[in-house]
Protein backbone atom coordinates (compact mmCIF):
# COMPACT_ATOMS: atom_id res chain seq x y z
CA MET A 1 0.00 0.00 0.00
CA SER A 2 1.43 3.35 -1.06
CA ASP A 3 1.59 6.24 1.37
CA THR A 4 -1.06 8.06 -0.67
CA THR A 5 -3.41 5.09 -0.64
CA ASP A 6 -2.79 4.52 3.06
CA THR A 7 -3.65 8.14 3.79
CA ALA A 8 -6.84 7.85 1.72
CA ILE A 9 -7.86 4.68 3.56
CA GLN A 10 -7.34 6.36 6.93
CA SER A 11 -9.37 9.38 5.82
CA GLY A 12 -12.18 7.11 4.65
CA LEU A 13 -12.08 5.17 7.90
CA ALA A 14 -12.34 8.36 9.94
CA LEU A 15 -15.48 9.35 8.03
CA HIS A 16 -16.79 5.81 8.19
CA GLN A 17 -16.48 5.72 11.98
CA GLN A 18 -18.34 9.02 12.19
CA GLY A 19 -21.23 7.48 10.29
CA LYS A 20 -20.57 9.55 7.17
CA LEU A 21 -21.07 6.58 4.90
CA ALA A 22 -21.50 8.36 1.58
CA GLU A 23 -18.30 10.39 2.02
CA ALA A 24 -16.34 7.32 3.11
CA ARG A 25 -17.65 5.31 0.19
CA GLU A 26 -16.60 8.03 -2.23
CA ILE A 27 -13.01 7.83 -0.95
CA TYR A 28 -12.90 4.02 -1.08
CA GLU A 29 -14.35 3.97 -4.59
CA GLY A 30 -11.82 6.61 -5.63
CA ILE A 31 -9.05 4.18 -4.67
CA LEU A 32 -10.74 1.39 -6.65
CA ARG A 33 -10.91 3.50 -9.80
CA THR A 34 -7.15 3.35 -10.03
CA GLN A 35 -6.61 0.07 -8.12
CA PRO A 36 -9.70 -2.08 -8.83
CA ASP A 37 -8.24 -5.08 -6.99
CA HIS A 38 -7.23 -3.29 -3.82
CA PRO A 39 -8.40 -5.79 -1.13
CA GLU A 40 -8.90 -3.39 1.78
CA ALA A 41 -10.70 -0.78 -0.33
CA LEU A 42 -13.01 -3.53 -1.63
CA HIS A 43 -13.56 -4.76 1.91
CA LEU A 44 -14.42 -1.30 3.21
CA VAL A 45 -16.72 -0.53 0.29
CA GLY A 46 -18.47 -3.81 1.00
CA LEU A 47 -19.00 -2.81 4.64
CA VAL A 48 -20.45 0.55 3.60
CA LEU A 49 -22.76 -1.11 1.07
CA HIS A 50 -23.94 -3.46 3.80
CA GLN A 51 -24.62 -0.57 6.16
CA GLN A 52 -26.50 1.21 3.39
CA GLY A 53 -28.69 -1.86 2.83
CA GLU A 54 -27.19 -2.86 -0.54
CA ASN A 55 -26.40 -6.37 0.62
CA ALA A 56 -26.39 -8.16 -2.73
CA ARG A 57 -23.73 -5.80 -4.06
CA ALA A 58 -21.90 -5.90 -0.72
CA ALA A 59 -21.64 -9.69 -0.96
CA GLU A 60 -20.05 -9.48 -4.40
CA VAL A 61 -17.50 -6.92 -3.30
CA LEU A 62 -16.62 -8.67 -0.04
CA ARG A 63 -16.23 -12.01 -1.80
CA ARG A 64 -13.81 -10.42 -4.24
CA ALA A 65 -11.77 -9.02 -1.33
CA ALA A 66 -11.65 -12.48 0.26
CA GLU A 67 -10.55 -14.04 -3.04
CA LEU A 68 -7.71 -11.55 -3.33
CA GLN A 69 -6.64 -12.04 0.27
CA PRO A 70 -7.81 -15.55 1.27
CA GLY A 71 -5.81 -15.54 4.49
CA ASN A 72 -7.70 -12.60 5.98
CA ALA A 73 -10.16 -13.93 8.56
CA ALA A 74 -12.04 -10.64 8.86
CA TYR A 75 -12.86 -10.65 5.15
CA HIS A 76 -14.42 -14.13 5.35
CA TYR A 77 -16.29 -13.20 8.51
CA ASN A 78 -17.88 -10.14 6.90
CA VAL A 79 -18.81 -12.20 3.84
CA GLY A 80 -20.68 -14.46 6.27
CA VAL A 81 -22.46 -11.54 7.93
CA VAL A 82 -23.79 -10.23 4.62
CA LEU A 83 -24.73 -13.64 3.25
CA GLN A 84 -26.64 -14.40 6.43
CA LYS A 85 -28.47 -11.09 6.03
CA LEU A 86 -29.39 -12.18 2.50
CA GLY A 87 -30.75 -15.47 3.80
CA GLN A 88 -27.96 -17.49 2.20
CA ASP A 89 -27.26 -19.39 5.40
CA PRO A 90 -25.33 -22.39 4.01
CA GLU A 91 -22.88 -20.05 2.28
CA ALA A 92 -22.67 -17.91 5.43
CA GLU A 93 -21.78 -21.01 7.44
CA ILE A 94 -18.88 -21.76 5.08
CA ALA A 95 -17.60 -18.19 5.41
CA TYR A 96 -17.75 -18.28 9.23
CA ARG A 97 -15.94 -21.60 9.34
CA GLN A 98 -13.24 -20.21 7.04
CA ALA A 99 -12.81 -17.22 9.36
CA ILE A 100 -12.54 -19.50 12.40
CA ALA A 101 -10.02 -21.76 10.66
CA LEU A 102 -7.83 -18.71 10.02
CA ASP A 103 -8.41 -17.13 13.43
CA PRO A 104 -9.77 -19.51 16.10
CA ALA A 105 -9.78 -16.59 18.56
CA MET A 106 -12.35 -14.60 16.55
CA ILE A 107 -15.19 -14.47 19.07
CA SER A 108 -17.73 -12.87 16.75
CA ALA A 109 -17.34 -15.68 14.23
CA TRP A 110 -18.01 -18.31 16.91
CA VAL A 111 -21.07 -16.35 18.07
CA ASN A 112 -22.55 -15.89 14.60
CA LEU A 113 -21.91 -19.50 13.63
CA GLY A 114 -23.55 -20.62 16.87
CA ASN A 115 -26.60 -18.46 16.23
CA LEU A 116 -26.88 -19.83 12.69
CA LEU A 117 -26.70 -23.42 13.91
CA VAL A 118 -29.42 -22.71 16.49
CA ASP A 119 -31.70 -21.55 13.67
CA TRP A 120 -31.16 -24.91 11.96
CA GLY A 121 -31.82 -26.92 15.10
CA HIS A 122 -28.19 -28.05 15.39
CA PHE A 123 -28.18 -27.32 19.09
CA GLY A 124 -25.20 -29.44 20.10
CA GLU A 125 -22.83 -27.79 17.64
CA ALA A 126 -24.26 -24.40 18.54
CA ARG A 127 -23.58 -25.10 22.21
CA ASP A 128 -19.95 -25.85 21.38
CA CYS A 129 -19.63 -22.59 19.42
CA HIS A 130 -20.97 -20.53 22.30
CA ARG A 131 -18.76 -22.41 24.75
CA ASN A 132 -15.76 -21.43 22.63
CA ALA A 133 -16.85 -17.79 22.61
CA LEU A 134 -17.24 -17.91 26.39
CA ARG A 135 -13.85 -19.60 26.80
CA LEU A 136 -12.29 -16.69 24.92
CA ASP A 137 -14.09 -14.12 27.11
CA VAL A 138 -15.14 -15.89 30.29
CA ASN A 139 -16.34 -12.73 32.06
CA SER A 140 -18.80 -11.75 29.35
CA ALA A 141 -22.38 -11.85 30.60
CA GLU A 142 -23.54 -11.79 26.98
CA HIS A 143 -21.74 -15.05 26.17
CA HIS A 144 -23.20 -16.72 29.27
CA VAL A 145 -26.68 -15.67 28.08
CA ARG A 146 -26.11 -17.07 24.58
CA LEU A 147 -24.77 -20.35 25.91
CA ALA A 148 -27.69 -20.59 28.34
CA ARG A 149 -30.17 -20.15 25.50
CA THR A 150 -28.62 -23.07 23.63
CA LEU A 151 -28.58 -25.22 26.76
CA ARG A 152 -32.27 -24.45 27.29
CA LEU A 153 -33.06 -25.52 23.74
CA ILE A 154 -31.17 -28.77 24.32
CA GLY A 155 -33.14 -29.28 27.52
CA ASP A 156 -30.30 -28.78 29.98
CA ILE A 157 -32.35 -26.45 32.17
CA ASP A 158 -30.06 -26.71 35.20
CA GLY A 159 -27.06 -25.74 33.08
CA ALA A 160 -28.95 -22.85 31.50
CA VAL A 161 -30.08 -21.48 34.86
CA SER A 162 -26.53 -21.74 36.20
CA HIS A 163 -25.03 -19.73 33.34
CA LEU A 164 -27.79 -17.13 33.58
CA GLY A 165 -27.09 -16.77 37.28
CA VAL A 166 -23.45 -16.04 36.41
CA ALA A 167 -24.56 -13.54 33.75
CA VAL A 168 -26.73 -11.65 36.25
CA ALA A 169 -23.89 -11.64 38.77
CA LEU A 170 -21.42 -10.33 36.18
CA ASP A 171 -23.75 -7.61 34.94
CA PRO A 172 -26.62 -6.85 37.35
CA ALA A 173 -27.89 -4.15 34.97
CA ASP A 174 -28.31 -6.56 32.04
CA ASP A 175 -32.08 -6.66 31.53
CA LYS A 176 -31.81 -9.38 28.87
CA ALA A 177 -29.97 -11.69 31.28
CA HIS A 178 -32.58 -11.15 33.99
CA SER A 179 -35.43 -11.82 31.54
CA ALA A 180 -33.72 -14.92 30.17
CA LEU A 181 -33.36 -16.26 33.71
CA LEU A 182 -37.05 -15.71 34.43
CA PHE A 183 -38.13 -17.31 31.15
CA THR A 184 -35.86 -20.33 31.70
CA SER A 185 -37.21 -20.68 35.24
CA GLN A 186 -40.58 -21.58 33.74
CA TYR A 187 -39.06 -24.89 32.58
CA GLU A 188 -37.64 -25.86 35.98
CA PRO A 189 -39.34 -29.00 37.31
CA GLY A 190 -40.44 -28.63 40.90
CA LEU A 191 -40.37 -24.83 40.94
CA ASP A 192 -43.71 -23.76 42.39
CA ALA A 193 -45.86 -20.79 41.42
CA THR A 194 -44.99 -18.91 44.60
CA GLU A 195 -41.27 -18.96 43.87
CA LEU A 196 -41.86 -18.05 40.24
CA THR A 197 -43.88 -15.06 41.39
CA ARG A 198 -41.20 -14.01 43.86
CA ARG A 199 -38.53 -14.03 41.15
CA HIS A 200 -40.66 -11.95 38.79
CA VAL A 201 -41.64 -9.42 41.46
CA ALA A 202 -37.98 -9.00 42.45
CA TRP A 203 -37.10 -8.33 38.83
CA GLY A 204 -39.95 -5.85 38.47
CA ALA A 205 -38.72 -3.89 41.46
CA ARG A 206 -35.54 -3.10 39.51
CA LEU A 207 -37.47 -1.44 36.70
CA ALA A 208 -39.93 0.29 39.01
CA ARG A 209 -37.32 3.03 39.30
CA ALA A 210 -37.51 3.78 35.57
CA THR A 211 -38.43 7.38 34.87
CA PRO A 212 -41.92 7.35 33.32
CA LEU A 213 -42.72 9.46 30.31
CA PRO A 214 -45.02 12.45 30.89
CA PRO A 215 -48.69 11.35 30.91
CA ALA A 216 -50.22 11.03 27.46
CA PRO A 217 -52.94 13.53 26.58
CA ALA A 218 -56.33 12.20 27.65
CA ARG A 219 -59.04 11.49 25.08
CA ALA A 220 -62.61 12.48 25.91
CA ALA A 221 -65.01 9.65 26.73
CA ALA A 222 -67.34 10.87 23.99
CA ASP A 223 -64.59 10.91 21.33
CA PRO A 224 -66.09 8.99 18.37
CA ALA A 225 -62.73 7.99 16.92
CA PRO A 226 -61.77 4.29 17.12
CA ILE A 227 -59.72 3.32 20.17
CA THR A 228 -56.06 3.10 19.17
CA VAL A 229 -54.55 -0.21 20.28
CA GLY A 230 -50.88 -1.02 19.79
CA PHE A 231 -49.29 -4.47 19.71
CA ILE A 232 -45.52 -4.78 20.18
CA SER A 233 -43.68 -8.01 19.44
CA ALA A 234 -40.80 -9.66 17.61
CA ASP A 235 -43.08 -12.64 16.90
CA PHE A 236 -45.65 -11.46 14.37
CA GLY A 237 -44.30 -14.06 11.94
CA ASN A 238 -44.66 -17.85 11.85
CA HIS A 239 -44.72 -18.22 15.62
CA PRO A 240 -47.59 -19.04 18.00
CA VAL A 241 -48.01 -15.32 18.73
CA GLY A 242 -48.23 -14.36 15.06
CA ILE A 243 -50.54 -17.30 14.37
CA PHE A 244 -52.93 -16.41 17.23
CA VAL A 245 -52.92 -12.68 16.43
CA ALA A 246 -53.61 -13.02 12.69
CA PRO A 247 -57.34 -13.95 12.77
CA LEU A 248 -57.97 -11.36 15.49
CA LEU A 249 -56.44 -8.54 13.45
CA GLU A 250 -58.54 -9.54 10.45
CA ARG A 251 -61.74 -9.40 12.44
CA LEU A 252 -60.85 -6.12 14.11
CA GLN A 253 -60.14 -4.63 10.67
CA LYS A 254 -63.66 -5.51 9.51
CA ARG A 255 -65.38 -4.18 12.63
CA GLY A 256 -63.88 -0.71 12.76
CA GLU A 257 -64.22 0.02 16.50
CA ILE A 258 -60.51 -0.35 17.04
CA ARG A 259 -57.52 1.08 15.18
CA THR A 260 -54.66 -1.40 15.41
CA ILE A 261 -50.97 -0.56 15.12
CA CYS A 262 -48.39 -3.34 15.09
CA TYR A 263 -44.86 -2.48 16.21
CA ASN A 264 -42.83 -5.23 14.58
CA ASP A 265 -39.51 -5.80 16.36
CA ALA A 266 -38.19 -8.47 13.96
CA ASP A 267 -36.13 -8.07 10.82
CA LYS A 268 -37.64 -10.95 8.85
CA GLU A 269 -40.31 -11.73 6.30
CA ASP A 270 -42.68 -14.70 6.10
CA GLU A 271 -46.30 -15.48 5.31
CA PHE A 272 -47.61 -14.45 8.73
CA ILE A 273 -45.65 -11.18 8.72
CA ARG A 274 -47.24 -10.39 5.36
CA ARG A 275 -50.69 -11.42 6.55
CA ASN A 276 -50.53 -9.39 9.75
CA ARG A 277 -49.08 -6.38 7.92
CA ARG A 278 -52.04 -6.44 5.51
CA THR A 279 -54.69 -6.51 8.21
CA ALA A 280 -53.26 -4.20 10.87
CA SER A 281 -54.58 -0.67 10.50
CA GLU A 282 -50.96 0.51 10.55
CA TRP A 283 -47.58 -1.18 10.70
CA ARG A 284 -44.30 0.03 12.17
CA ASP A 285 -40.99 -1.80 11.74
CA ILE A 286 -38.96 -1.05 14.87
CA ALA A 287 -36.16 -3.65 14.79
CA ASN A 288 -32.88 -2.04 15.91
CA THR A 289 -34.76 1.11 16.96
CA ASP A 290 -34.02 2.41 20.45
CA ASP A 291 -36.67 2.65 23.15
CA ASP A 292 -36.79 6.45 23.15
CA THR A 293 -37.59 6.55 19.44
CA VAL A 294 -40.21 3.82 19.72
CA ALA A 295 -41.83 5.53 22.71
CA ALA A 296 -41.96 8.82 20.84
CA ARG A 297 -43.57 7.09 17.86
CA MET A 298 -46.21 5.48 20.07
CA ARG A 299 -47.03 8.87 21.56
CA GLU A 300 -47.21 10.36 18.09
CA ASP A 301 -49.51 7.50 17.01
CA GLY A 302 -51.78 8.18 19.98
CA VAL A 303 -51.67 4.63 21.34
CA GLU A 304 -54.22 4.36 24.15
CA ILE A 305 -53.83 0.67 25.00
CA LEU A 306 -50.57 -1.16 24.39
CA PHE A 307 -50.36 -4.97 24.27
CA GLU A 308 -46.93 -6.47 24.80
CA LEU A 309 -46.72 -9.95 23.30
CA ALA A 310 -43.34 -11.14 24.57
CA GLY A 311 -43.08 -11.06 28.35
CA HIS A 312 -39.59 -12.27 29.27
CA THR A 313 -38.94 -14.09 26.00
CA GLU A 314 -36.12 -12.98 23.73
CA GLN A 315 -36.29 -9.52 22.15
CA ASN A 316 -38.82 -8.26 24.68
CA ARG A 317 -39.28 -4.51 25.24
CA LEU A 318 -40.24 -4.58 28.91
CA PRO A 319 -37.81 -1.75 29.80
CA LEU A 320 -39.74 0.37 27.29
CA LEU A 321 -43.05 -0.51 28.93
CA ALA A 322 -41.57 0.35 32.33
CA ARG A 323 -41.57 3.95 31.12
CA ARG A 324 -45.28 3.70 30.27
CA PRO A 325 -45.49 4.92 26.66
CA ALA A 326 -49.25 4.18 26.69
CA PRO A 327 -51.89 5.07 29.30
CA VAL A 328 -53.03 1.45 29.60
CA GLN A 329 -50.66 -1.51 29.13
CA VAL A 330 -51.51 -5.20 28.84
CA SER A 331 -49.53 -8.45 28.62
CA TRP A 332 -50.98 -11.20 26.44
CA ALA A 333 -50.20 -14.35 24.46
CA GLY A 334 -46.40 -14.21 24.32
CA TYR A 335 -45.50 -15.20 27.87
CA VAL A 336 -46.56 -17.69 30.52
CA GLY A 337 -47.55 -15.70 33.56
CA THR A 338 -46.84 -12.43 35.28
CA THR A 339 -44.17 -10.10 33.96
CA GLY A 340 -43.61 -8.71 37.47
CA LEU A 341 -43.74 -5.20 36.00
CA GLU A 342 -46.11 -2.86 37.83
CA ALA A 343 -46.28 -0.57 34.80
CA ILE A 344 -48.25 -3.31 33.03
CA ASP A 345 -51.82 -2.89 34.19
CA TYR A 346 -53.50 -6.07 33.00
CA LEU A 347 -52.75 -9.63 32.00
CA LEU A 348 -55.22 -11.12 29.56
CA SER A 349 -56.11 -14.64 30.73
CA ASP A 350 -59.06 -16.93 31.39
CA ALA A 351 -60.56 -18.87 34.28
CA TRP A 352 -58.59 -22.03 33.48
CA GLN A 353 -55.20 -20.39 33.08
CA SER A 354 -55.74 -18.16 36.12
CA PRO A 355 -58.46 -19.59 38.39
CA ASP A 356 -60.03 -17.79 41.31
CA GLY A 357 -57.51 -17.55 44.13
CA SER A 358 -54.47 -17.23 41.86
CA GLU A 359 -54.47 -13.42 41.82
CA GLY A 360 -51.51 -13.30 44.20
CA HIS A 361 -49.30 -14.80 41.49
CA TYR A 362 -49.66 -11.70 39.30
CA THR A 363 -48.58 -8.09 39.63
CA GLU A 364 -51.04 -7.29 36.84
CA THR A 365 -54.81 -7.18 37.27
CA LEU A 366 -56.27 -10.29 35.66
CA LEU A 367 -58.55 -9.65 32.73
CA ARG A 368 -60.28 -13.02 32.34
CA PHE A 369 -62.01 -13.91 29.10
CA PRO A 370 -65.21 -15.98 29.42
CA TYR A 371 -63.65 -18.71 27.30
CA ASP A 372 -60.08 -19.34 26.12
CA TYR A 373 -57.52 -16.54 26.31
CA ILE A 374 -56.59 -17.28 22.70
CA GLY A 375 -58.55 -18.40 19.65
CA TYR A 376 -57.30 -21.23 17.42
CA GLU A 377 -57.54 -21.01 13.64
CA PRO A 378 -56.84 -24.45 12.14
CA PRO A 379 -54.75 -24.30 8.95
CA LEU A 380 -56.69 -25.01 5.76
CA TYR A 381 -54.00 -27.44 4.62
CA ALA A 382 -54.30 -29.68 7.69
CA PRO A 383 -54.61 -33.27 6.48
CA ASP A 384 -57.49 -35.53 7.46
CA PRO A 385 -56.86 -37.23 10.83
CA GLY A 386 -57.03 -40.65 9.23
CA PRO A 387 -57.91 -43.93 10.97
CA LEU A 388 -56.68 -44.85 14.43
CA PRO A 389 -53.09 -46.12 13.97
CA LEU A 390 -53.52 -48.70 16.73
CA LEU A 391 -56.07 -50.59 14.63
CA GLU A 392 -53.53 -50.97 11.82
CA THR A 393 -50.29 -51.47 13.76
CA GLY A 394 -51.63 -53.61 16.57
CA TYR A 395 -49.76 -51.58 19.19
CA PRO A 396 -50.41 -48.14 20.73
CA THR A 397 -48.33 -45.14 19.73
CA PHE A 398 -48.00 -42.20 22.06
CA GLY A 399 -46.54 -38.91 20.84
CA CYS A 400 -45.37 -35.49 21.89
CA LEU A 401 -44.70 -32.72 19.39
CA ASN A 402 -43.36 -30.18 21.89
CA ASN A 403 -39.92 -28.62 22.09
CA PRO A 404 -37.08 -30.57 23.76
CA ALA A 405 -36.75 -28.05 26.60
CA LYS A 406 -40.10 -29.27 27.95
CA ILE A 407 -39.00 -32.90 28.14
CA ASN A 408 -37.27 -32.95 31.49
CA PRO A 409 -36.25 -35.82 33.82
CA LEU A 410 -39.59 -35.77 35.69
CA THR A 411 -41.52 -36.02 32.43
CA ILE A 412 -39.24 -38.81 31.15
CA ARG A 413 -39.70 -40.69 34.41
CA LEU A 414 -43.50 -40.62 34.18
CA TRP A 415 -43.56 -41.49 30.48
CA SER A 416 -41.10 -44.32 31.15
CA ARG A 417 -43.49 -45.71 33.73
CA LEU A 418 -46.28 -45.61 31.15
CA LEU A 419 -44.15 -47.40 28.55
CA ARG A 420 -43.11 -50.04 31.08
CA GLU A 421 -46.75 -50.70 31.94
CA ILE A 422 -47.62 -51.09 28.24
CA PRO A 423 -44.63 -53.05 26.86
CA ALA A 424 -45.88 -53.00 23.25
CA ALA A 425 -46.32 -49.20 23.15
CA ARG A 426 -44.16 -46.87 21.11
CA LEU A 427 -43.44 -43.14 21.51
CA ILE A 428 -42.86 -40.51 18.81
CA LEU A 429 -41.08 -37.27 19.75
CA LYS A 430 -40.90 -34.57 17.10
CA TYR A 431 -39.80 -30.94 17.06
CA LYS A 432 -37.07 -28.71 15.72
CA GLY A 433 -33.75 -29.97 17.09
CA MET A 434 -35.22 -33.20 18.50
CA ASP A 435 -33.00 -35.19 16.11
CA ASP A 436 -29.85 -33.30 17.10
CA PRO A 437 -27.38 -35.89 18.45
CA VAL A 438 -26.96 -34.13 21.80
CA VAL A 439 -30.72 -33.76 22.31
CA ARG A 440 -31.36 -37.29 21.10
CA HIS A 441 -28.78 -38.78 23.46
CA ARG A 442 -30.08 -36.78 26.44
CA ILE A 443 -33.65 -37.93 25.94
CA LEU A 444 -33.03 -41.53 24.90
CA GLY A 445 -30.47 -41.88 27.67
CA GLY A 446 -33.08 -40.70 30.15
CA PHE A 447 -35.53 -43.35 29.00
CA ALA A 448 -32.85 -46.04 29.06
CA ALA A 449 -31.96 -45.09 32.64
CA ASN A 450 -35.63 -45.57 33.51
CA GLY A 451 -35.78 -49.05 32.03
CA VAL A 452 -37.18 -48.30 28.56
CA ASP A 453 -35.49 -49.62 25.41
CA PRO A 454 -34.60 -46.54 23.29
CA ASN A 455 -35.58 -48.51 20.17
CA ARG A 456 -39.20 -48.02 21.22
CA ILE A 457 -38.82 -44.25 20.82
CA GLU A 458 -38.66 -42.45 17.47
CA VAL A 459 -37.22 -38.93 17.41
CA MET A 460 -37.87 -36.61 14.48
CA GLY A 461 -36.69 -33.11 13.65
CA GLN A 462 -38.24 -30.15 11.90
CA THR A 463 -40.25 -30.58 8.71
CA SER A 464 -42.79 -28.50 6.80
CA HIS A 465 -45.86 -27.70 8.87
CA VAL A 466 -48.13 -29.93 6.81
CA GLU A 467 -45.73 -32.83 7.39
CA HIS A 468 -45.61 -31.90 11.07
CA LEU A 469 -49.40 -32.20 11.25
CA ARG A 470 -49.32 -35.41 9.24
CA THR A 471 -47.23 -36.97 12.02
CA PHE A 472 -50.37 -37.00 14.18
CA ARG A 473 -51.81 -39.59 11.77
CA ARG A 474 -49.27 -42.01 13.31
CA ILE A 475 -50.16 -41.14 16.93
CA ASP A 476 -53.01 -42.61 18.97
CA VAL A 477 -52.66 -40.45 22.11
CA ALA A 478 -50.60 -37.32 22.73
CA LEU A 479 -48.71 -36.88 26.00
CA ASP A 480 -48.47 -33.36 27.39
CA PRO A 481 -45.17 -32.46 29.11
CA PHE A 482 -44.92 -30.70 32.46
CA PRO A 483 -44.38 -28.27 34.12
CA TYR A 484 -44.45 -26.41 30.78
CA SER A 485 -47.57 -27.54 28.97
CA GLY A 486 -48.20 -27.54 25.24
CA GLY A 487 -50.11 -24.63 23.73
CA LEU A 488 -50.42 -24.53 19.96
CA SER A 489 -49.22 -28.15 19.87
CA THR A 490 -52.25 -29.20 21.93
CA CYS A 491 -54.63 -27.33 19.63
CA GLU A 492 -53.04 -29.03 16.64
CA ALA A 493 -53.22 -32.48 18.23
CA ILE A 494 -56.94 -32.34 18.98
CA TRP A 495 -57.64 -30.85 15.54
CA MET A 496 -55.93 -33.92 14.13
CA GLY A 497 -58.19 -36.17 16.21
CA VAL A 498 -55.58 -37.04 18.84
CA PRO A 499 -56.59 -36.69 22.50
CA VAL A 500 -54.03 -35.04 24.79
CA VAL A 501 -53.36 -36.28 28.33
CA THR A 502 -52.31 -33.38 30.55
CA CYS A 503 -51.57 -32.82 34.22
CA PRO A 504 -51.89 -29.10 35.07
CA GLY A 505 -50.15 -27.53 38.04
CA GLU A 506 -50.46 -24.11 39.68
CA ALA A 507 -48.23 -22.14 37.32
CA PHE A 508 -49.63 -20.44 34.22
CA ALA A 509 -47.18 -22.35 31.98
CA SER A 510 -48.58 -25.68 33.15
CA ARG A 511 -52.21 -24.86 32.32
CA HIS A 512 -52.31 -24.15 28.56
CA SER A 513 -53.65 -27.59 27.67
CA LEU A 514 -56.15 -27.41 30.54
CA SER A 515 -57.64 -24.26 29.03
CA HIS A 516 -57.65 -25.45 25.42
CA LEU A 517 -59.05 -28.90 26.24
CA SER A 518 -61.70 -27.48 28.58
CA ASN A 519 -62.85 -25.00 25.96
CA ALA A 520 -62.98 -27.79 23.38
CA GLY A 521 -65.14 -29.85 25.75
CA ILE A 522 -62.45 -32.51 26.32
CA THR A 523 -62.17 -32.80 30.07
CA ASP A 524 -61.72 -36.53 30.62
CA THR A 525 -58.03 -36.42 29.64
CA ILE A 526 -57.13 -33.86 32.32
CA ALA A 527 -55.29 -35.69 35.10
CA ARG A 528 -55.19 -34.86 38.80
CA ASP A 529 -51.69 -36.24 39.33
CA GLY A 530 -49.12 -38.64 37.85
CA ASN A 531 -51.08 -41.77 38.76
CA ASP A 532 -54.21 -40.36 37.14
CA TYR A 533 -52.14 -39.40 34.05
CA ILE A 534 -51.03 -43.04 33.68
CA ARG A 535 -54.57 -44.29 34.25
CA ILE A 536 -56.06 -42.01 31.59
CA ALA A 537 -53.40 -42.76 28.96
CA THR A 538 -53.67 -46.50 29.61
CA HIS A 539 -57.47 -46.47 29.49
CA LEU A 540 -57.49 -44.65 26.15
CA VAL A 541 -55.22 -47.12 24.33
CA THR A 542 -56.79 -50.22 25.90
CA HIS A 543 -60.22 -49.26 24.54
CA PRO A 544 -59.39 -48.93 20.83
CA LYS A 545 -63.00 -48.88 19.56
CA ASP A 546 -63.84 -45.95 21.82
CA LEU A 547 -60.59 -44.22 20.87
CA ALA A 548 -61.31 -44.71 17.17
CA ALA A 549 -64.79 -43.23 17.56
CA ARG A 550 -63.32 -40.28 19.46
CA ARG A 551 -60.77 -39.71 16.71
CA GLU A 552 -63.47 -39.71 14.06
CA GLY A 553 -65.57 -37.05 15.80
CA LEU A 554 -62.95 -34.90 17.51
CA ARG A 555 -62.32 -32.41 14.70
CA GLU A 556 -66.02 -31.61 14.37
CA GLN A 557 -66.28 -31.21 18.14
CA VAL A 558 -63.28 -28.87 18.30
CA ASN A 559 -64.47 -26.85 15.33
CA ALA A 560 -67.86 -26.24 16.97
CA SER A 561 -66.31 -25.28 20.32
CA PRO A 562 -65.37 -21.85 21.76
CA LEU A 563 -61.69 -22.70 21.05
CA CYS A 564 -62.29 -22.16 17.33
CA ASP A 565 -65.05 -19.53 17.53
CA LEU A 566 -62.88 -16.67 16.32
CA ASP A 567 -65.78 -14.25 15.86
CA ALA A 568 -66.84 -14.71 19.49
CA PHE A 569 -63.22 -14.31 20.58
CA ALA A 570 -63.02 -11.00 18.68
CA ASP A 571 -66.26 -9.90 20.42
CA ASP A 572 -64.73 -10.73 23.81
CA PHE A 573 -61.57 -8.86 22.87
CA VAL A 574 -63.47 -5.72 21.85
CA ARG A 575 -65.51 -5.79 25.07
CA ALA A 576 -62.30 -6.08 27.08
CA ILE A 577 -60.77 -3.13 25.21
CA GLN A 578 -63.83 -1.01 25.85
CA ALA A 579 -63.79 -1.92 29.54
CA ILE A 580 -60.16 -0.89 30.10
CA SER A 581 -60.07 2.04 27.69
CA PRO A 582 -58.70 5.23 29.25
CA ARG A 583 -61.78 6.93 27.79
CA ALA A 584 -64.11 4.75 29.88
């Protein structure tokens, strides 16, 4: 590099670091006009193009830089970043691995590769990536949080909680670490509702000191304009939240009493994002936007009631809600219990999720719907349930299509007892990451330790949704895990004609199936305890004619029930909005 070129690069970098992207790009491109194969100028132009949103062009330029200087780990890493942004994940993986091979101490490459592998359900490899990042920076709370997330997905809840405890100790101000710890606590077997509440209340006390925004201007009770309701979430896409919200938004759009504004905190695109964008009155993309800006936009939009749909799950905006950007704030659908945040006024629930006497487990006021707290819209492409598999195979097949984090040692112990009592029975477990070697070995090893031959258990990973639903055609009876019950998975099972055996506890997370089954009129598969759970499951598969008749009529029963009455659910929702409106 000549002195002149070096000086130009440094000048461009100075502008680049100041955020003056156009000026920096002009300098870099000036170098390339005379030296078109200058690796660093190409690399820097590629970074600017990426920052300016021109990712396709950025990928071309960065790849050329890496070709010219194949031993530069940073070049390969940035190729990976841009390719991942473009959705070219397999190519991004190759680039990250090249960067790591050249520089095994590159923490960011380990982190990004780990995140990519998580998306694919390769949880064991992802765990190893995040362990390497943590090994390189052992005092980083952020790396403990990432590793804990992967351990949770694998189902190592104790390990996840331990790392999150370290993260909180390292950085007590890290809101994400605190939220991750609370969310992971929901999966802990044996943790009662009282202790869960205590943990959430203690967290909420931290944010109670947040400086609230000035009160929003009040609207007159007689104001004829529709009530403005905001929804904030990173899960408006193909996720239970996005799936449950979609039919509600469509019905609210037709009615006109409510103006809906969705604040989308995810940088992605799928069929449910497109569907919800079409039917919301207004749509705001807020990914990577700071809380102050989002709060100002909500005030500008005149949001009167704000629904947060994340709770303590990833990418939540609870610190924003602590500042009260809306006069009335509600938690719904995205979490499994209280947020612990006093700035959230209500939690939308029902009498099964939150029965009389449970009010002490919530900092929010319970807003109970007369039926289910969600409405289920079965997909049009759902296959026919088909005949009872037991009649064809000659042996019963149990199944669980819930995520591996819910299948804990207590659950495995009870299911093992069931399989020992019915020696011919088989079990199908299916979910994203279930076929990962680390997950597979954890679960099958647990059954083996409890006296069940692992060959009786089939584990399956992620497939298309229609194939996922088709798996129920091979299952006679679904087994609900505990203490974290199935939600959407339970709705899908009964729609496919498969009864679900559940054992609810005190905690909100343990009662999803109780609510959905009760609202569908299926109460005889709700167990009082483990012994009753075994009795119910055994009775179902030892009376195949009754089970076959149930399977044949279950879809019609579910379809006619309040669980699938989306118009009635929208009516209940509007009445709730009117009752809590600041204009009331």
